[in-house]
Structures are given as structure tokens and as C-alpha cells.
Amino acid sequence: MAPHPASPTTVLKAALRKAALARRDALDSEARRAGSLHIAEGVIAVPGLSEAAIVGAFWPIRSEADPRPLIERLFARGQRVALPHVTPDGLVFREWRAGEALVPGKFGLSEPRADLPPLDPTALIVPLSAFDRSGQRIGYGAGYYDGAITRLSRNGPVLTIGMAFACQEIETVPAEPHDRPLDHLVTEAGPVPLRKRQA
């Protein structure tokens, strides 16, 4: 059977993703390092984050904003951190403690060991390739975080915070019904004021 043709929205998202990631890749390493520190200071101050006993974070790949300075700040105020493990059923979060070794996962990810018990964070630090000011994001195309947010939300509210560099902002993300807007977005320039999306 021939593969189904990609929808116009999928094609547009792919083009927007590629352009935003090219801008991110063009940042020099010092700009990314300094920017990640500024982002950590912005995220740690997001209202409600300090109340989450377990925070879902991620380990950086490629030119992503580095959440490790943020993770250090979470540990410093006594919060637990869980990292995602990619499974056939979606993302499973497992606790990570400072200094513990990670194992190679899919897509070049570094993940916690699969034998660690799963945890359900009540706050998620979310990676992304592009974002707009309604809180919509374009991820990397697999829908893992949209699925994780949907699953975790069945237990109660989940605080979602996107972290990215300012150069990843676009005018409008072509959102689809399954896309979950973020509660907060923080770049190296500070918190991004989010507008309400038009119905």
C-alpha cells in the first residue's frame, strides 16, 4: 500500500520546524549556554512550579536550551525530577537523581534506566522546536508530549512550561485538535506573554 500523503498542516509544520531549528542551530555555544542560565532563572520563578513535588524535565539534545541549570535549581529547593523514557506506549517518566548515569534511548536521547519505577509529574518542562504567543508549540513531530500531557492530566491539573530560545518564536503555530497549548513559555528574554487563542 502507498503511504498516506501528509496533510497540508503537517507539511506546513515540518517547514516551520525546519526553519526554527535552523535558527536555533545558528546560535553559538556561548549564547546557548548564557541563554540557558537566563531561562533557568525564569522557569524556576514560574507561579505554581514550587508546589510540584515531582517535576518532569528532559535531557538536552542537539542545540536545545539546556535544562540542566534548571534541574540544579529544582534539586536545590528540594523538588524531585523525573526524566522521560520513550516507550511504544508513549513517554514514561522515571526519577533521576544528581549524578546517576543515563542510558542511550531513541532519537539520540539520554534516558533513565527502564527498571526504575514510573512516576507521574504534576509539572512538565517541555522541549520544542517552535512556539507562538498563544502557547502553542511545534515539537519534533512524534506527538509524545501531547500524549503525555493528555495522560497525566487524567490525574489532575498538570502545569506545562515550555523552554526555548527567542529565535524559535513564530507568528502562528498551525494547531490541530490534539495539540495542547502550554501554560507558560520562557526564553532567555524572560517569560513570554501569552495571548488567548482566537476561537
N, C-alpha and C. Protein backbone atom coordinates (compact mmCIF):
# COMPACT_ATOMS: atom_id res chain seq x y z
N MET A 1 0.84 -1.19 0.00
CA MET A 1 0.00 0.00 0.00
C MET A 1 0.88 1.25 0.00
N ALA A 2 0.42 2.24 -0.74
CA ALA A 2 1.15 3.51 -0.77
C ALA A 2 0.90 4.26 0.53
N PRO A 3 1.91 4.98 1.04
CA PRO A 3 1.70 5.73 2.27
C PRO A 3 0.69 6.85 2.05
N HIS A 4 -0.03 7.20 3.12
CA HIS A 4 -0.98 8.31 3.02
C HIS A 4 -0.20 9.61 2.83
N PRO A 5 -0.67 10.48 1.93
CA PRO A 5 0.02 11.76 1.77
C PRO A 5 -0.12 12.60 3.03
N ALA A 6 0.93 13.36 3.33
CA ALA A 6 0.89 14.22 4.51
C ALA A 6 -0.15 15.32 4.31
N SER A 7 -0.82 15.69 5.40
CA SER A 7 -1.82 16.76 5.31
C SER A 7 -1.11 18.10 5.10
N PRO A 8 -1.83 19.10 4.57
CA PRO A 8 -1.20 20.43 4.41
C PRO A 8 -0.67 20.97 5.73
N THR A 9 -1.39 20.72 6.83
CA THR A 9 -0.93 21.21 8.14
C THR A 9 0.38 20.53 8.54
N THR A 10 0.47 19.23 8.30
CA THR A 10 1.70 18.50 8.64
C THR A 10 2.88 19.03 7.82
N VAL A 11 2.63 19.29 6.55
CA VAL A 11 3.68 19.82 5.68
C VAL A 11 4.13 21.21 6.16
N LEU A 12 3.14 22.05 6.51
CA LEU A 12 3.47 23.40 7.00
C LEU A 12 4.25 23.33 8.30
N LYS A 13 3.82 22.47 9.23
CA LYS A 13 4.53 22.32 10.49
C LYS A 13 5.97 21.88 10.26
N ALA A 14 6.17 20.96 9.34
CA ALA A 14 7.52 20.47 9.06
C ALA A 14 8.41 21.61 8.56
N ALA A 15 7.86 22.48 7.71
CA ALA A 15 8.64 23.60 7.18
C ALA A 15 8.95 24.61 8.29
N LEU A 16 7.96 24.90 9.14
CA LEU A 16 8.18 25.82 10.24
C LEU A 16 9.19 25.26 11.24
N ARG A 17 9.10 23.96 11.49
CA ARG A 17 10.04 23.30 12.40
C ARG A 17 11.46 23.41 11.85
N LYS A 18 11.62 23.10 10.59
CA LYS A 18 12.95 23.12 9.98
C LYS A 18 13.57 24.52 10.07
N ALA A 19 12.78 25.55 9.78
CA ALA A 19 13.30 26.91 9.81
C ALA A 19 13.66 27.34 11.23
N ALA A 20 12.80 27.01 12.19
CA ALA A 20 13.07 27.39 13.58
C ALA A 20 14.31 26.68 14.12
N LEU A 21 14.45 25.40 13.79
CA LEU A 21 15.62 24.66 14.26
C LEU A 21 16.90 25.17 13.62
N ALA A 22 16.80 25.63 12.37
CA ALA A 22 17.98 26.21 11.72
C ALA A 22 18.41 27.48 12.44
N ARG A 23 17.43 28.28 12.85
CA ARG A 23 17.78 29.50 13.61
C ARG A 23 18.40 29.13 14.95
N ARG A 24 17.86 28.11 15.60
CA ARG A 24 18.42 27.68 16.89
C ARG A 24 19.83 27.13 16.71
N ASP A 25 20.03 26.33 15.67
CA ASP A 25 21.35 25.76 15.41
C ASP A 25 22.40 26.84 15.15
N ALA A 26 21.94 27.99 14.62
CA ALA A 26 22.88 29.05 14.26
C ALA A 26 23.39 29.82 15.48
N LEU A 27 22.75 29.65 16.63
CA LEU A 27 23.25 30.31 17.85
C LEU A 27 24.60 29.71 18.23
N ASP A 28 25.53 30.55 18.64
CA ASP A 28 26.81 29.99 19.04
C ASP A 28 26.71 29.39 20.45
N SER A 29 27.67 28.58 20.79
CA SER A 29 27.59 27.80 22.03
C SER A 29 27.53 28.69 23.25
N GLU A 30 28.21 29.83 23.24
CA GLU A 30 28.17 30.72 24.40
C GLU A 30 26.80 31.35 24.56
N ALA A 31 26.16 31.70 23.44
CA ALA A 31 24.81 32.27 23.51
C ALA A 31 23.84 31.24 24.06
N ARG A 32 24.01 29.99 23.66
CA ARG A 32 23.13 28.94 24.19
C ARG A 32 23.38 28.70 25.68
N ARG A 33 24.65 28.72 26.08
CA ARG A 33 24.97 28.50 27.50
C ARG A 33 24.40 29.62 28.35
N ALA A 34 24.68 30.86 27.96
CA ALA A 34 24.18 32.01 28.73
C ALA A 34 22.66 32.06 28.69
N GLY A 35 22.09 31.78 27.52
CA GLY A 35 20.64 31.80 27.39
C GLY A 35 19.98 30.76 28.27
N SER A 36 20.58 29.58 28.37
CA SER A 36 20.01 28.52 29.20
C SER A 36 20.00 28.91 30.68
N LEU A 37 21.01 29.65 31.11
CA LEU A 37 21.05 30.13 32.50
C LEU A 37 19.92 31.13 32.75
N HIS A 38 19.71 32.04 31.80
CA HIS A 38 18.61 33.02 31.93
C HIS A 38 17.25 32.30 31.94
N ILE A 39 17.11 31.29 31.08
CA ILE A 39 15.86 30.54 31.04
C ILE A 39 15.61 29.83 32.37
N ALA A 40 16.67 29.24 32.94
CA ALA A 40 16.52 28.56 34.24
C ALA A 40 16.00 29.52 35.30
N GLU A 41 16.53 30.75 35.31
CA GLU A 41 16.07 31.73 36.30
C GLU A 41 14.62 32.11 36.07
N GLY A 42 14.20 32.15 34.81
CA GLY A 42 12.81 32.47 34.51
C GLY A 42 11.87 31.34 34.86
N VAL A 43 12.25 30.11 34.53
CA VAL A 43 11.37 28.98 34.78
C VAL A 43 11.21 28.72 36.28
N ILE A 44 12.30 28.81 37.03
CA ILE A 44 12.22 28.48 38.45
C ILE A 44 11.25 29.42 39.18
N ALA A 45 11.01 30.60 38.59
CA ALA A 45 10.12 31.59 39.21
C ALA A 45 8.68 31.49 38.72
N VAL A 46 8.38 30.55 37.82
CA VAL A 46 7.01 30.44 37.30
C VAL A 46 6.05 30.11 38.44
N PRO A 47 4.95 30.86 38.55
CA PRO A 47 4.00 30.60 39.64
C PRO A 47 3.49 29.16 39.62
N GLY A 48 3.50 28.55 40.78
CA GLY A 48 2.99 27.19 40.91
C GLY A 48 4.02 26.09 40.76
N LEU A 49 5.17 26.40 40.15
CA LEU A 49 6.15 25.33 39.94
C LEU A 49 6.71 24.81 41.26
N SER A 50 6.88 25.70 42.22
CA SER A 50 7.46 25.28 43.50
C SER A 50 6.56 24.31 44.25
N GLU A 51 5.27 24.26 43.88
CA GLU A 51 4.33 23.38 44.57
C GLU A 51 4.34 21.95 44.02
N ALA A 52 5.01 21.73 42.89
CA ALA A 52 5.05 20.40 42.30
C ALA A 52 6.09 19.54 43.01
N ALA A 53 5.65 18.43 43.60
CA ALA A 53 6.59 17.55 44.29
C ALA A 53 7.52 16.87 43.30
N ILE A 54 7.00 16.53 42.11
CA ILE A 54 7.79 15.89 41.07
C ILE A 54 7.66 16.70 39.79
N VAL A 55 8.79 17.10 39.23
CA VAL A 55 8.81 17.89 38.00
C VAL A 55 9.38 17.03 36.88
N GLY A 56 8.66 16.91 35.80
CA GLY A 56 9.16 16.22 34.62
C GLY A 56 10.02 17.17 33.82
N ALA A 57 11.27 16.80 33.61
CA ALA A 57 12.19 17.64 32.83
C ALA A 57 12.65 16.81 31.62
N PHE A 58 13.75 17.19 31.01
CA PHE A 58 14.30 16.42 29.90
C PHE A 58 15.79 16.65 29.83
N TRP A 59 16.49 15.77 29.15
CA TRP A 59 17.94 15.90 28.96
C TRP A 59 18.15 16.49 27.57
N PRO A 60 19.02 17.49 27.42
CA PRO A 60 19.11 18.19 26.14
C PRO A 60 19.75 17.36 25.03
N ILE A 61 19.27 17.58 23.82
CA ILE A 61 19.91 17.03 22.62
C ILE A 61 20.15 18.17 21.64
N ARG A 62 21.11 17.95 20.79
CA ARG A 62 21.45 18.91 19.74
C ARG A 62 21.59 20.32 20.32
N SER A 63 20.91 21.30 19.73
CA SER A 63 21.11 22.70 20.16
C SER A 63 20.01 23.19 21.08
N GLU A 64 19.30 22.28 21.74
CA GLU A 64 18.21 22.68 22.65
C GLU A 64 18.70 23.57 23.78
N ALA A 65 17.81 24.43 24.24
CA ALA A 65 18.06 25.11 25.51
C ALA A 65 18.31 24.04 26.57
N ASP A 66 19.35 24.24 27.35
CA ASP A 66 19.81 23.21 28.29
C ASP A 66 19.05 23.33 29.62
N PRO A 67 18.24 22.32 29.98
CA PRO A 67 17.50 22.40 31.24
C PRO A 67 18.31 22.01 32.47
N ARG A 68 19.56 21.60 32.30
CA ARG A 68 20.31 21.15 33.47
C ARG A 68 20.53 22.23 34.54
N PRO A 69 20.77 23.51 34.16
CA PRO A 69 20.83 24.54 35.22
C PRO A 69 19.50 24.66 35.97
N LEU A 70 18.39 24.46 35.27
CA LEU A 70 17.09 24.48 35.93
C LEU A 70 16.95 23.29 36.88
N ILE A 71 17.38 22.12 36.43
CA ILE A 71 17.29 20.91 37.27
C ILE A 71 18.08 21.11 38.57
N GLU A 72 19.25 21.74 38.46
CA GLU A 72 20.04 22.02 39.66
C GLU A 72 19.27 22.90 40.64
N ARG A 73 18.54 23.87 40.11
CA ARG A 73 17.76 24.76 40.97
C ARG A 73 16.57 24.03 41.59
N LEU A 74 15.97 23.12 40.84
CA LEU A 74 14.88 22.32 41.40
C LEU A 74 15.38 21.46 42.55
N PHE A 75 16.52 20.80 42.34
CA PHE A 75 17.11 19.99 43.41
C PHE A 75 17.41 20.85 44.64
N ALA A 76 17.93 22.07 44.39
CA ALA A 76 18.35 22.94 45.50
C ALA A 76 17.18 23.31 46.39
N ARG A 77 15.96 23.34 45.85
CA ARG A 77 14.83 23.66 46.71
C ARG A 77 14.00 22.42 47.07
N GLY A 78 14.61 21.25 46.88
CA GLY A 78 14.04 20.02 47.42
C GLY A 78 13.02 19.32 46.55
N GLN A 79 12.96 19.69 45.27
CA GLN A 79 12.00 19.04 44.39
C GLN A 79 12.62 17.83 43.70
N ARG A 80 11.80 16.84 43.44
CA ARG A 80 12.25 15.65 42.73
C ARG A 80 12.08 15.88 41.22
N VAL A 81 12.94 15.23 40.45
CA VAL A 81 12.93 15.40 39.00
C VAL A 81 12.79 14.04 38.32
N ALA A 82 11.92 13.97 37.34
CA ALA A 82 11.75 12.76 36.54
C ALA A 82 12.07 13.08 35.08
N LEU A 83 12.72 12.16 34.41
CA LEU A 83 13.08 12.32 33.00
C LEU A 83 12.28 11.33 32.16
N PRO A 84 12.02 11.69 30.89
CA PRO A 84 11.20 10.81 30.05
C PRO A 84 11.96 9.63 29.48
N HIS A 85 11.25 8.51 29.40
CA HIS A 85 11.73 7.30 28.74
C HIS A 85 10.74 7.01 27.62
N VAL A 86 11.23 6.95 26.38
CA VAL A 86 10.35 6.72 25.23
C VAL A 86 10.02 5.23 25.16
N THR A 87 8.72 4.92 25.20
CA THR A 87 8.26 3.54 25.10
C THR A 87 7.27 3.43 23.95
N PRO A 88 6.92 2.22 23.53
CA PRO A 88 5.92 2.08 22.46
C PRO A 88 4.57 2.70 22.82
N ASP A 89 4.31 2.86 24.13
CA ASP A 89 3.03 3.44 24.56
C ASP A 89 3.13 4.94 24.85
N GLY A 90 4.28 5.54 24.58
CA GLY A 90 4.45 6.96 24.83
C GLY A 90 5.53 7.21 25.87
N LEU A 91 5.53 8.41 26.42
CA LEU A 91 6.55 8.79 27.40
C LEU A 91 6.19 8.27 28.79
N VAL A 92 7.16 7.63 29.43
CA VAL A 92 7.06 7.23 30.83
C VAL A 92 8.14 8.00 31.58
N PHE A 93 7.77 8.65 32.67
CA PHE A 93 8.73 9.44 33.44
C PHE A 93 9.25 8.63 34.61
N ARG A 94 10.59 8.67 34.77
CA ARG A 94 11.25 7.94 35.86
C ARG A 94 12.18 8.89 36.60
N GLU A 95 12.28 8.71 37.90
CA GLU A 95 13.05 9.66 38.70
C GLU A 95 14.52 9.63 38.34
N TRP A 96 15.12 10.83 38.32
CA TRP A 96 16.56 10.96 38.12
C TRP A 96 17.14 11.75 39.28
N ARG A 97 18.22 11.22 39.82
CA ARG A 97 18.92 11.90 40.92
C ARG A 97 20.28 12.35 40.42
N ALA A 98 20.74 13.44 40.98
CA ALA A 98 22.02 14.02 40.55
C ALA A 98 23.13 12.98 40.55
N GLY A 99 23.86 12.91 39.46
CA GLY A 99 24.99 12.01 39.37
C GLY A 99 24.67 10.63 38.82
N GLU A 100 23.39 10.26 38.75
CA GLU A 100 23.03 8.94 38.23
C GLU A 100 23.31 8.86 36.73
N ALA A 101 23.80 7.71 36.30
CA ALA A 101 24.07 7.51 34.88
C ALA A 101 22.76 7.38 34.10
N LEU A 102 22.74 7.92 32.91
CA LEU A 102 21.62 7.75 31.99
C LEU A 102 22.01 6.75 30.92
N VAL A 103 21.02 6.20 30.24
CA VAL A 103 21.29 5.20 29.20
C VAL A 103 20.83 5.75 27.86
N PRO A 104 21.46 5.32 26.76
CA PRO A 104 21.04 5.80 25.44
C PRO A 104 19.63 5.33 25.10
N GLY A 105 18.83 6.24 24.56
CA GLY A 105 17.47 5.91 24.14
C GLY A 105 17.26 6.22 22.67
N LYS A 106 16.02 6.19 22.25
CA LYS A 106 15.68 6.50 20.86
C LYS A 106 15.96 7.97 20.56
N PHE A 107 16.15 8.27 19.30
CA PHE A 107 16.30 9.65 18.81
C PHE A 107 17.51 10.36 19.41
N GLY A 108 18.50 9.61 19.86
CA GLY A 108 19.68 10.23 20.46
C GLY A 108 19.46 10.74 21.86
N LEU A 109 18.38 10.31 22.50
CA LEU A 109 18.07 10.78 23.85
C LEU A 109 18.90 10.05 24.90
N SER A 110 19.07 10.72 26.03
CA SER A 110 19.63 10.08 27.23
C SER A 110 18.48 9.90 28.19
N GLU A 111 18.28 8.68 28.68
CA GLU A 111 17.10 8.35 29.46
C GLU A 111 17.47 7.67 30.77
N PRO A 112 16.56 7.74 31.77
CA PRO A 112 16.77 6.95 32.98
C PRO A 112 16.62 5.46 32.68
N ARG A 113 17.14 4.63 33.54
CA ARG A 113 17.07 3.18 33.33
C ARG A 113 15.62 2.70 33.30
N ALA A 114 15.34 1.74 32.46
CA ALA A 114 13.98 1.24 32.29
C ALA A 114 13.48 0.47 33.51
N ASP A 115 14.38 0.06 34.41
CA ASP A 115 13.91 -0.70 35.58
C ASP A 115 13.51 0.20 36.74
N LEU A 116 13.64 1.51 36.58
CA LEU A 116 13.21 2.43 37.64
C LEU A 116 11.69 2.58 37.57
N PRO A 117 11.03 2.74 38.72
CA PRO A 117 9.57 2.82 38.71
C PRO A 117 9.07 4.08 38.02
N PRO A 118 7.93 3.99 37.33
CA PRO A 118 7.37 5.18 36.68
C PRO A 118 6.77 6.13 37.71
N LEU A 119 6.85 7.42 37.41
CA LEU A 119 6.26 8.46 38.25
C LEU A 119 5.40 9.36 37.38
N ASP A 120 4.42 10.01 37.98
CA ASP A 120 3.57 10.94 37.25
C ASP A 120 3.83 12.35 37.77
N PRO A 121 4.60 13.15 37.02
CA PRO A 121 4.86 14.52 37.45
C PRO A 121 3.57 15.35 37.41
N THR A 122 3.53 16.38 38.26
CA THR A 122 2.42 17.33 38.20
C THR A 122 2.84 18.64 37.54
N ALA A 123 4.09 18.71 37.11
CA ALA A 123 4.58 19.83 36.30
C ALA A 123 5.53 19.26 35.26
N LEU A 124 5.48 19.82 34.06
CA LEU A 124 6.33 19.34 32.97
C LEU A 124 7.09 20.51 32.35
N ILE A 125 8.40 20.34 32.22
CA ILE A 125 9.23 21.25 31.44
C ILE A 125 9.31 20.65 30.04
N VAL A 126 8.84 21.40 29.05
CA VAL A 126 8.60 20.82 27.73
C VAL A 126 9.57 21.38 26.69
N PRO A 127 10.27 20.51 25.95
CA PRO A 127 11.10 20.98 24.85
C PRO A 127 10.24 21.28 23.63
N LEU A 128 10.79 22.01 22.67
CA LEU A 128 10.01 22.34 21.49
C LEU A 128 10.94 22.82 20.38
N SER A 129 10.40 22.83 19.17
CA SER A 129 11.18 23.38 18.05
C SER A 129 10.72 24.78 17.68
N ALA A 130 9.43 25.08 17.87
CA ALA A 130 8.90 26.42 17.57
C ALA A 130 7.70 26.67 18.46
N PHE A 131 7.38 27.96 18.68
CA PHE A 131 6.24 28.32 19.52
C PHE A 131 5.64 29.63 19.04
N ASP A 132 4.38 29.86 19.45
CA ASP A 132 3.78 31.17 19.20
C ASP A 132 3.25 31.72 20.52
N ARG A 133 2.69 32.92 20.47
CA ARG A 133 2.30 33.60 21.70
C ARG A 133 0.92 33.21 22.20
N SER A 134 0.34 32.17 21.63
CA SER A 134 -0.86 31.60 22.24
C SER A 134 -0.51 30.38 23.08
N GLY A 135 0.80 30.07 23.16
CA GLY A 135 1.24 28.91 23.94
C GLY A 135 1.28 27.62 23.14
N GLN A 136 0.96 27.70 21.86
CA GLN A 136 1.06 26.51 21.03
C GLN A 136 2.52 26.27 20.65
N ARG A 137 2.86 25.01 20.52
CA ARG A 137 4.23 24.64 20.18
C ARG A 137 4.25 23.66 19.02
N ILE A 138 5.36 23.62 18.34
CA ILE A 138 5.65 22.55 17.40
C ILE A 138 6.77 21.74 18.02
N GLY A 139 6.53 20.46 18.20
CA GLY A 139 7.56 19.61 18.79
C GLY A 139 8.47 19.05 17.70
N TYR A 140 8.80 17.80 17.83
CA TYR A 140 9.68 17.18 16.83
C TYR A 140 8.92 16.24 15.91
N GLY A 141 7.60 16.23 16.02
CA GLY A 141 6.79 15.52 15.04
C GLY A 141 6.18 14.21 15.47
N ALA A 142 6.55 13.70 16.64
CA ALA A 142 6.04 12.39 17.06
C ALA A 142 4.84 12.47 17.99
N GLY A 143 4.57 13.66 18.54
CA GLY A 143 3.42 13.84 19.41
C GLY A 143 3.57 13.27 20.81
N TYR A 144 4.80 12.99 21.23
CA TYR A 144 4.99 12.36 22.53
C TYR A 144 4.51 13.24 23.69
N TYR A 145 4.84 14.52 23.63
CA TYR A 145 4.46 15.38 24.76
C TYR A 145 2.97 15.67 24.79
N ASP A 146 2.34 15.83 23.63
CA ASP A 146 0.88 16.00 23.63
C ASP A 146 0.22 14.79 24.28
N GLY A 147 0.71 13.60 23.95
CA GLY A 147 0.16 12.38 24.56
C GLY A 147 0.42 12.32 26.04
N ALA A 148 1.63 12.71 26.46
CA ALA A 148 1.97 12.66 27.89
C ALA A 148 1.12 13.65 28.69
N ILE A 149 0.93 14.85 28.15
CA ILE A 149 0.12 15.85 28.85
C ILE A 149 -1.32 15.35 28.99
N THR A 150 -1.84 14.78 27.92
CA THR A 150 -3.21 14.24 27.97
C THR A 150 -3.32 13.15 29.03
N ARG A 151 -2.35 12.23 29.05
CA ARG A 151 -2.39 11.12 30.01
C ARG A 151 -2.26 11.62 31.44
N LEU A 152 -1.29 12.49 31.68
CA LEU A 152 -1.06 12.96 33.04
C LEU A 152 -2.22 13.80 33.55
N SER A 153 -2.89 14.51 32.65
CA SER A 153 -3.99 15.38 33.03
C SER A 153 -5.19 14.60 33.55
N ARG A 154 -5.24 13.30 33.26
CA ARG A 154 -6.33 12.49 33.79
C ARG A 154 -6.26 12.37 35.31
N ASN A 155 -5.05 12.59 35.87
CA ASN A 155 -4.87 12.52 37.33
C ASN A 155 -5.17 13.84 38.01
N GLY A 156 -5.28 14.91 37.23
CA GLY A 156 -5.45 16.25 37.78
C GLY A 156 -4.67 17.26 36.95
N PRO A 157 -4.70 18.52 37.32
CA PRO A 157 -4.02 19.55 36.54
C PRO A 157 -2.51 19.30 36.45
N VAL A 158 -1.97 19.56 35.27
CA VAL A 158 -0.53 19.46 35.04
C VAL A 158 -0.03 20.82 34.55
N LEU A 159 0.90 21.40 35.27
CA LEU A 159 1.49 22.67 34.89
C LEU A 159 2.51 22.42 33.78
N THR A 160 2.34 23.07 32.62
CA THR A 160 3.25 22.85 31.49
C THR A 160 4.01 24.13 31.18
N ILE A 161 5.32 23.99 31.08
CA ILE A 161 6.20 25.15 30.86
C ILE A 161 7.14 24.82 29.71
N GLY A 162 7.04 25.58 28.64
CA GLY A 162 7.95 25.40 27.53
C GLY A 162 9.20 26.24 27.72
N MET A 163 10.34 25.69 27.35
CA MET A 163 11.58 26.47 27.39
C MET A 163 12.22 26.42 26.01
N ALA A 164 12.63 27.60 25.54
CA ALA A 164 13.17 27.71 24.18
C ALA A 164 13.95 29.01 24.08
N PHE A 165 14.66 29.17 22.99
CA PHE A 165 15.32 30.44 22.70
C PHE A 165 14.35 31.34 21.93
N ALA A 166 14.52 32.64 22.09
CA ALA A 166 13.60 33.59 21.47
C ALA A 166 13.54 33.43 19.95
N CYS A 167 14.64 33.00 19.34
CA CYS A 167 14.67 32.85 17.88
C CYS A 167 13.75 31.75 17.38
N GLN A 168 13.19 30.95 18.28
CA GLN A 168 12.29 29.86 17.88
C GLN A 168 10.83 30.31 17.79
N GLU A 169 10.58 31.58 18.12
CA GLU A 169 9.20 32.07 18.05
C GLU A 169 8.77 32.25 16.60
N ILE A 170 7.53 31.90 16.31
CA ILE A 170 6.92 32.13 15.01
C ILE A 170 5.60 32.86 15.22
N GLU A 171 5.03 33.38 14.15
CA GLU A 171 3.80 34.16 14.28
C GLU A 171 2.64 33.29 14.73
N THR A 172 2.42 32.18 14.05
CA THR A 172 1.27 31.33 14.37
C THR A 172 1.62 29.87 14.15
N VAL A 173 1.41 29.06 15.16
CA VAL A 173 1.52 27.61 15.01
C VAL A 173 0.19 27.09 14.44
N PRO A 174 0.25 26.33 13.36
CA PRO A 174 -0.99 25.76 12.81
C PRO A 174 -1.47 24.61 13.70
N ALA A 175 -2.19 24.96 14.76
CA ALA A 175 -2.57 23.98 15.78
C ALA A 175 -3.63 23.02 15.25
N GLU A 176 -3.54 21.79 15.72
CA GLU A 176 -4.50 20.73 15.38
C GLU A 176 -5.24 20.34 16.67
N PRO A 177 -6.36 19.61 16.54
CA PRO A 177 -7.17 19.31 17.72
C PRO A 177 -6.41 18.61 18.85
N HIS A 178 -5.40 17.80 18.51
CA HIS A 178 -4.69 17.07 19.56
C HIS A 178 -3.59 17.90 20.22
N ASP A 179 -3.27 19.07 19.67
CA ASP A 179 -2.20 19.90 20.23
C ASP A 179 -2.64 20.52 21.54
N ARG A 180 -1.76 20.48 22.52
CA ARG A 180 -2.07 21.01 23.85
C ARG A 180 -1.26 22.29 24.09
N PRO A 181 -1.92 23.44 24.21
CA PRO A 181 -1.16 24.67 24.47
C PRO A 181 -0.50 24.62 25.84
N LEU A 182 0.62 25.30 25.94
CA LEU A 182 1.38 25.34 27.19
C LEU A 182 0.83 26.42 28.11
N ASP A 183 1.01 26.21 29.41
CA ASP A 183 0.59 27.22 30.39
C ASP A 183 1.54 28.40 30.42
N HIS A 184 2.83 28.13 30.25
CA HIS A 184 3.85 29.17 30.30
C HIS A 184 4.93 28.87 29.27
N LEU A 185 5.58 29.94 28.82
CA LEU A 185 6.75 29.82 27.94
C LEU A 185 7.81 30.78 28.45
N VAL A 186 9.06 30.30 28.48
CA VAL A 186 10.16 31.14 28.95
C VAL A 186 11.30 31.04 27.95
N THR A 187 11.84 32.19 27.56
CA THR A 187 13.04 32.24 26.73
C THR A 187 14.13 32.98 27.51
N GLU A 188 15.28 33.15 26.87
CA GLU A 188 16.36 33.88 27.53
C GLU A 188 15.99 35.34 27.78
N ALA A 189 14.96 35.84 27.08
CA ALA A 189 14.50 37.22 27.29
C ALA A 189 13.50 37.32 28.44
N GLY A 190 13.09 36.17 29.00
CA GLY A 190 12.17 36.17 30.12
C GLY A 190 10.87 35.46 29.77
N PRO A 191 9.87 35.55 30.65
CA PRO A 191 8.58 34.92 30.37
C PRO A 191 7.94 35.53 29.13
N VAL A 192 7.34 34.69 28.31
CA VAL A 192 6.66 35.15 27.09
C VAL A 192 5.20 35.45 27.45
N PRO A 193 4.75 36.69 27.22
CA PRO A 193 3.33 36.99 27.50
C PRO A 193 2.46 36.23 26.50
N LEU A 194 1.58 35.39 27.02
CA LEU A 194 0.75 34.57 26.15
C LEU A 194 -0.62 35.19 25.96
N ARG A 195 -1.07 35.23 24.73
CA ARG A 195 -2.40 35.74 24.43
C ARG A 195 -3.39 34.58 24.35
N LYS A 196 -4.62 34.86 24.51
CA LYS A 196 -5.64 33.84 24.36
C LYS A 196 -5.84 33.56 22.88
N ARG A 197 -5.93 32.29 22.54
CA ARG A 197 -6.11 31.91 21.15
C ARG A 197 -7.54 32.19 20.71
N GLN A 198 -7.66 32.73 19.50
CA GLN A 198 -8.98 33.03 18.97
C GLN A 198 -9.72 31.74 18.63
N ALA A 199 -10.98 31.68 18.95
CA ALA A 199 -11.80 30.52 18.67
C ALA A 199 -12.10 30.42 17.18
